[in-house]
Amino acid sequence: MFARLSTYQGSPVPAGGDLTASSEAVVRQVQDVPGFRGVYYLVDRATGEAKSLTLWEDERAMDDSEEQAARIREETAQREGQRIVSVEHFEVGFSHLQP
C-alpha cells in the first residue's frame, strides 16, 4: 500500500467548527479512482494546519491518480481558504486500526 500526504495551511478553525462539511464531496470525487483504499483528514484547529492522507493499493495506482488528486487538492484548498504547503509520497510500512 502507498500513501500521499498533502499539507495545507489556513486560518485557525473555531473549536465548534464543522470539519465534515465538505467531506462527502471530497470522498465522492476520490472513492471511484482505481486503487483508492481510504482517506484521513487531520486538522490542528489552533494553527489552521491540515493534512490529508490518501491510501492507495499500490504505487502505480497512486501515480495514476496524481492529476486528479492535484485538481481535487486545488479545489479543496481554494474552497476552504487554504494554501497547499507540500505533497509527499510514502510506502506504507504497516497499518493497524482497532475494530
N, C-alpha and C. Protein backbone atom coordinates (compact mmCIF):
# COMPACT_ATOMS: atom_id res chain seq x y z
N MET A 1 0.86 -1.16 0.00
CA MET A 1 0.00 0.00 0.00
C MET A 1 0.91 1.23 0.00
N PHE A 2 0.41 2.31 -0.61
CA PHE A 2 1.13 3.57 -0.69
C PHE A 2 0.23 4.70 -0.20
N ALA A 3 0.86 5.81 0.19
CA ALA A 3 0.12 6.94 0.75
C ALA A 3 0.63 8.25 0.19
N ARG A 4 -0.30 9.18 -0.01
CA ARG A 4 0.03 10.55 -0.40
C ARG A 4 -0.38 11.44 0.76
N LEU A 5 0.56 12.23 1.27
CA LEU A 5 0.30 13.13 2.39
C LEU A 5 0.40 14.56 1.89
N SER A 6 -0.72 15.26 1.92
CA SER A 6 -0.77 16.66 1.48
C SER A 6 -0.94 17.54 2.71
N THR A 7 -0.14 18.61 2.78
CA THR A 7 -0.21 19.54 3.91
C THR A 7 -0.75 20.87 3.43
N TYR A 8 -1.67 21.43 4.22
CA TYR A 8 -2.33 22.69 3.91
C TYR A 8 -2.15 23.65 5.08
N GLN A 9 -2.19 24.95 4.80
CA GLN A 9 -2.17 25.95 5.85
C GLN A 9 -3.30 26.94 5.59
N GLY A 10 -4.05 27.23 6.64
CA GLY A 10 -5.15 28.18 6.53
C GLY A 10 -5.33 28.88 7.85
N SER A 11 -6.49 29.44 8.05
CA SER A 11 -6.80 30.13 9.30
C SER A 11 -7.15 29.11 10.37
N PRO A 12 -6.94 29.46 11.63
CA PRO A 12 -7.37 28.58 12.72
C PRO A 12 -8.85 28.22 12.57
N VAL A 13 -9.20 27.03 13.02
CA VAL A 13 -10.58 26.54 12.91
C VAL A 13 -11.24 26.69 14.27
N PRO A 14 -12.41 27.35 14.34
CA PRO A 14 -13.09 27.51 15.63
C PRO A 14 -13.34 26.15 16.29
N ALA A 15 -13.30 26.14 17.62
CA ALA A 15 -13.47 24.89 18.37
C ALA A 15 -14.75 24.15 17.97
N GLY A 16 -15.82 24.87 17.69
CA GLY A 16 -17.07 24.24 17.32
C GLY A 16 -17.27 24.10 15.82
N GLY A 17 -16.26 24.46 15.04
CA GLY A 17 -16.37 24.42 13.58
C GLY A 17 -16.56 23.01 13.05
N ASP A 18 -17.38 22.86 12.04
CA ASP A 18 -17.69 21.56 11.44
C ASP A 18 -16.59 21.17 10.46
N LEU A 19 -15.87 20.10 10.78
CA LEU A 19 -14.79 19.63 9.91
C LEU A 19 -15.29 18.68 8.82
N THR A 20 -16.53 18.25 8.91
CA THR A 20 -17.05 17.27 7.95
C THR A 20 -17.90 17.90 6.86
N ALA A 21 -18.02 19.23 6.86
CA ALA A 21 -18.93 19.92 5.93
C ALA A 21 -18.70 19.53 4.48
N SER A 22 -17.45 19.45 4.05
CA SER A 22 -17.20 19.15 2.64
C SER A 22 -16.67 17.73 2.44
N SER A 23 -16.67 16.93 3.49
CA SER A 23 -16.07 15.59 3.40
C SER A 23 -16.76 14.69 2.39
N GLU A 24 -18.07 14.71 2.36
CA GLU A 24 -18.79 13.84 1.42
C GLU A 24 -18.43 14.17 -0.03
N ALA A 25 -18.33 15.45 -0.34
CA ALA A 25 -18.00 15.85 -1.71
C ALA A 25 -16.60 15.37 -2.08
N VAL A 26 -15.65 15.50 -1.16
CA VAL A 26 -14.28 15.08 -1.43
C VAL A 26 -14.23 13.57 -1.61
N VAL A 27 -14.87 12.83 -0.71
CA VAL A 27 -14.86 11.36 -0.79
C VAL A 27 -15.50 10.90 -2.10
N ARG A 28 -16.59 11.53 -2.49
CA ARG A 28 -17.24 11.15 -3.77
C ARG A 28 -16.30 11.33 -4.95
N GLN A 29 -15.46 12.36 -4.90
CA GLN A 29 -14.55 12.63 -6.01
C GLN A 29 -13.45 11.58 -6.10
N VAL A 30 -13.04 11.04 -4.99
CA VAL A 30 -11.87 10.16 -4.99
C VAL A 30 -12.20 8.67 -4.84
N GLN A 31 -13.35 8.34 -4.31
CA GLN A 31 -13.64 6.94 -3.98
C GLN A 31 -13.69 6.01 -5.19
N ASP A 32 -14.00 6.51 -6.34
CA ASP A 32 -14.08 5.66 -7.53
C ASP A 32 -12.80 5.64 -8.35
N VAL A 33 -11.76 6.31 -7.89
CA VAL A 33 -10.48 6.30 -8.59
C VAL A 33 -9.87 4.90 -8.40
N PRO A 34 -9.48 4.25 -9.48
CA PRO A 34 -8.91 2.90 -9.35
C PRO A 34 -7.75 2.85 -8.37
N GLY A 35 -7.80 1.89 -7.46
CA GLY A 35 -6.74 1.69 -6.49
C GLY A 35 -6.89 2.47 -5.20
N PHE A 36 -7.92 3.34 -5.09
CA PHE A 36 -8.14 4.11 -3.87
C PHE A 36 -8.54 3.17 -2.73
N ARG A 37 -7.91 3.36 -1.55
CA ARG A 37 -8.18 2.50 -0.40
C ARG A 37 -8.75 3.24 0.80
N GLY A 38 -8.53 4.56 0.91
CA GLY A 38 -9.06 5.29 2.06
C GLY A 38 -8.48 6.69 2.15
N VAL A 39 -9.05 7.47 3.07
CA VAL A 39 -8.59 8.85 3.26
C VAL A 39 -8.78 9.25 4.73
N TYR A 40 -7.84 10.04 5.21
CA TYR A 40 -7.93 10.68 6.52
C TYR A 40 -7.69 12.16 6.32
N TYR A 41 -8.39 12.99 7.11
CA TYR A 41 -8.18 14.43 7.08
C TYR A 41 -7.85 14.85 8.51
N LEU A 42 -6.66 15.38 8.73
CA LEU A 42 -6.15 15.72 10.05
C LEU A 42 -6.06 17.23 10.18
N VAL A 43 -6.50 17.77 11.31
CA VAL A 43 -6.55 19.22 11.48
C VAL A 43 -6.01 19.63 12.85
N ASP A 44 -5.19 20.67 12.86
CA ASP A 44 -4.80 21.33 14.10
C ASP A 44 -5.62 22.61 14.14
N ARG A 45 -6.68 22.61 14.91
CA ARG A 45 -7.60 23.75 14.94
C ARG A 45 -6.91 25.05 15.36
N ALA A 46 -5.93 24.95 16.25
CA ALA A 46 -5.28 26.15 16.78
C ALA A 46 -4.42 26.85 15.73
N THR A 47 -3.74 26.09 14.88
CA THR A 47 -2.83 26.70 13.91
C THR A 47 -3.42 26.82 12.51
N GLY A 48 -4.46 26.05 12.24
CA GLY A 48 -5.03 26.03 10.88
C GLY A 48 -4.31 25.09 9.95
N GLU A 49 -3.32 24.34 10.46
CA GLU A 49 -2.64 23.37 9.61
C GLU A 49 -3.52 22.14 9.45
N ALA A 50 -3.56 21.60 8.24
CA ALA A 50 -4.35 20.41 7.96
C ALA A 50 -3.53 19.49 7.05
N LYS A 51 -3.82 18.21 7.15
CA LYS A 51 -3.16 17.22 6.30
C LYS A 51 -4.21 16.25 5.80
N SER A 52 -4.09 15.88 4.54
CA SER A 52 -4.93 14.80 4.03
C SER A 52 -4.00 13.64 3.69
N LEU A 53 -4.42 12.46 4.10
CA LEU A 53 -3.66 11.25 3.84
C LEU A 53 -4.55 10.33 3.03
N THR A 54 -4.17 10.09 1.78
CA THR A 54 -4.91 9.15 0.95
C THR A 54 -4.10 7.88 0.83
N LEU A 55 -4.81 6.77 0.84
CA LEU A 55 -4.17 5.45 0.77
C LEU A 55 -4.50 4.80 -0.56
N TRP A 56 -3.48 4.13 -1.13
CA TRP A 56 -3.59 3.57 -2.47
C TRP A 56 -3.12 2.12 -2.48
N GLU A 57 -3.77 1.33 -3.29
CA GLU A 57 -3.49 -0.10 -3.39
C GLU A 57 -2.03 -0.38 -3.69
N ASP A 58 -1.46 0.39 -4.60
CA ASP A 58 -0.05 0.22 -4.97
C ASP A 58 0.49 1.53 -5.53
N GLU A 59 1.78 1.55 -5.79
CA GLU A 59 2.42 2.78 -6.25
C GLU A 59 1.88 3.23 -7.60
N ARG A 60 1.60 2.31 -8.47
CA ARG A 60 1.07 2.67 -9.79
C ARG A 60 -0.28 3.37 -9.67
N ALA A 61 -1.17 2.85 -8.82
CA ALA A 61 -2.47 3.48 -8.63
C ALA A 61 -2.30 4.90 -8.09
N MET A 62 -1.38 5.08 -7.15
CA MET A 62 -1.12 6.41 -6.61
C MET A 62 -0.60 7.34 -7.71
N ASP A 63 0.36 6.85 -8.48
CA ASP A 63 0.92 7.67 -9.57
C ASP A 63 -0.14 8.00 -10.62
N ASP A 64 -0.96 7.02 -10.97
CA ASP A 64 -2.01 7.24 -11.98
C ASP A 64 -3.06 8.24 -11.52
N SER A 65 -3.22 8.39 -10.21
CA SER A 65 -4.23 9.30 -9.67
C SER A 65 -3.71 10.73 -9.50
N GLU A 66 -2.46 10.95 -9.80
CA GLU A 66 -1.80 12.22 -9.48
C GLU A 66 -2.50 13.44 -10.07
N GLU A 67 -2.88 13.38 -11.34
CA GLU A 67 -3.52 14.53 -11.98
C GLU A 67 -4.86 14.84 -11.34
N GLN A 68 -5.68 13.82 -11.11
CA GLN A 68 -6.98 14.03 -10.49
C GLN A 68 -6.80 14.51 -9.04
N ALA A 69 -5.82 13.95 -8.34
CA ALA A 69 -5.57 14.36 -6.96
C ALA A 69 -5.15 15.83 -6.89
N ALA A 70 -4.34 16.26 -7.82
CA ALA A 70 -3.90 17.66 -7.84
C ALA A 70 -5.09 18.59 -8.03
N ARG A 71 -6.00 18.22 -8.90
CA ARG A 71 -7.21 19.03 -9.14
C ARG A 71 -8.07 19.09 -7.87
N ILE A 72 -8.27 17.95 -7.22
CA ILE A 72 -9.08 17.91 -6.00
C ILE A 72 -8.42 18.73 -4.90
N ARG A 73 -7.10 18.62 -4.77
CA ARG A 73 -6.36 19.41 -3.77
C ARG A 73 -6.57 20.90 -3.99
N GLU A 74 -6.38 21.34 -5.23
CA GLU A 74 -6.52 22.76 -5.55
C GLU A 74 -7.94 23.26 -5.26
N GLU A 75 -8.93 22.51 -5.69
CA GLU A 75 -10.33 22.91 -5.47
C GLU A 75 -10.66 22.97 -3.98
N THR A 76 -10.22 21.97 -3.25
CA THR A 76 -10.50 21.91 -1.82
C THR A 76 -9.80 23.05 -1.08
N ALA A 77 -8.53 23.27 -1.40
CA ALA A 77 -7.78 24.35 -0.74
C ALA A 77 -8.42 25.70 -1.01
N GLN A 78 -8.82 25.93 -2.25
CA GLN A 78 -9.45 27.20 -2.60
C GLN A 78 -10.77 27.37 -1.84
N ARG A 79 -11.58 26.33 -1.82
CA ARG A 79 -12.88 26.38 -1.16
C ARG A 79 -12.72 26.61 0.35
N GLU A 80 -11.70 26.02 0.95
CA GLU A 80 -11.50 26.10 2.39
C GLU A 80 -10.63 27.28 2.81
N GLY A 81 -10.16 28.08 1.85
CA GLY A 81 -9.31 29.22 2.17
C GLY A 81 -7.93 28.80 2.66
N GLN A 82 -7.40 27.75 2.08
CA GLN A 82 -6.09 27.22 2.48
C GLN A 82 -5.12 27.35 1.32
N ARG A 83 -3.84 27.17 1.64
CA ARG A 83 -2.83 27.05 0.59
C ARG A 83 -2.16 25.70 0.77
N ILE A 84 -1.74 25.11 -0.33
CA ILE A 84 -1.06 23.82 -0.31
C ILE A 84 0.41 24.06 0.02
N VAL A 85 0.88 23.45 1.08
CA VAL A 85 2.26 23.63 1.54
C VAL A 85 3.16 22.56 0.93
N SER A 86 2.71 21.32 0.92
CA SER A 86 3.54 20.24 0.39
C SER A 86 2.69 19.02 0.03
N VAL A 87 3.27 18.18 -0.81
CA VAL A 87 2.68 16.89 -1.17
C VAL A 87 3.82 15.88 -1.14
N GLU A 88 3.65 14.84 -0.33
CA GLU A 88 4.68 13.82 -0.18
C GLU A 88 4.10 12.44 -0.47
N HIS A 89 4.97 11.53 -0.86
CA HIS A 89 4.56 10.17 -1.20
C HIS A 89 5.34 9.18 -0.35
N PHE A 90 4.64 8.15 0.14
CA PHE A 90 5.25 7.16 1.02
C PHE A 90 4.76 5.76 0.69
N GLU A 91 5.59 4.79 0.99
CA GLU A 91 5.14 3.40 1.02
C GLU A 91 4.69 3.15 2.46
N VAL A 92 3.56 2.48 2.64
CA VAL A 92 3.06 2.17 3.96
C VAL A 92 3.81 0.95 4.49
N GLY A 93 4.55 1.13 5.57
CA GLY A 93 5.29 0.03 6.16
C GLY A 93 4.37 -0.97 6.83
N PHE A 94 3.39 -0.48 7.57
CA PHE A 94 2.35 -1.30 8.17
C PHE A 94 1.21 -0.40 8.60
N SER A 95 0.06 -1.00 8.88
CA SER A 95 -1.07 -0.25 9.39
C SER A 95 -1.87 -1.16 10.32
N HIS A 96 -2.58 -0.53 11.22
CA HIS A 96 -3.43 -1.26 12.15
C HIS A 96 -4.50 -0.32 12.67
N LEU A 97 -5.75 -0.71 12.56
CA LEU A 97 -6.86 0.04 13.14
C LEU A 97 -7.62 -0.90 14.06
N GLN A 98 -7.92 -0.42 15.23
CA GLN A 98 -8.74 -1.22 16.13
C GLN A 98 -10.16 -1.31 15.56
N PRO A 99 -10.82 -2.44 15.72
CA PRO A 99 -12.20 -2.57 15.21
C PRO A 99 -13.17 -1.71 16.00
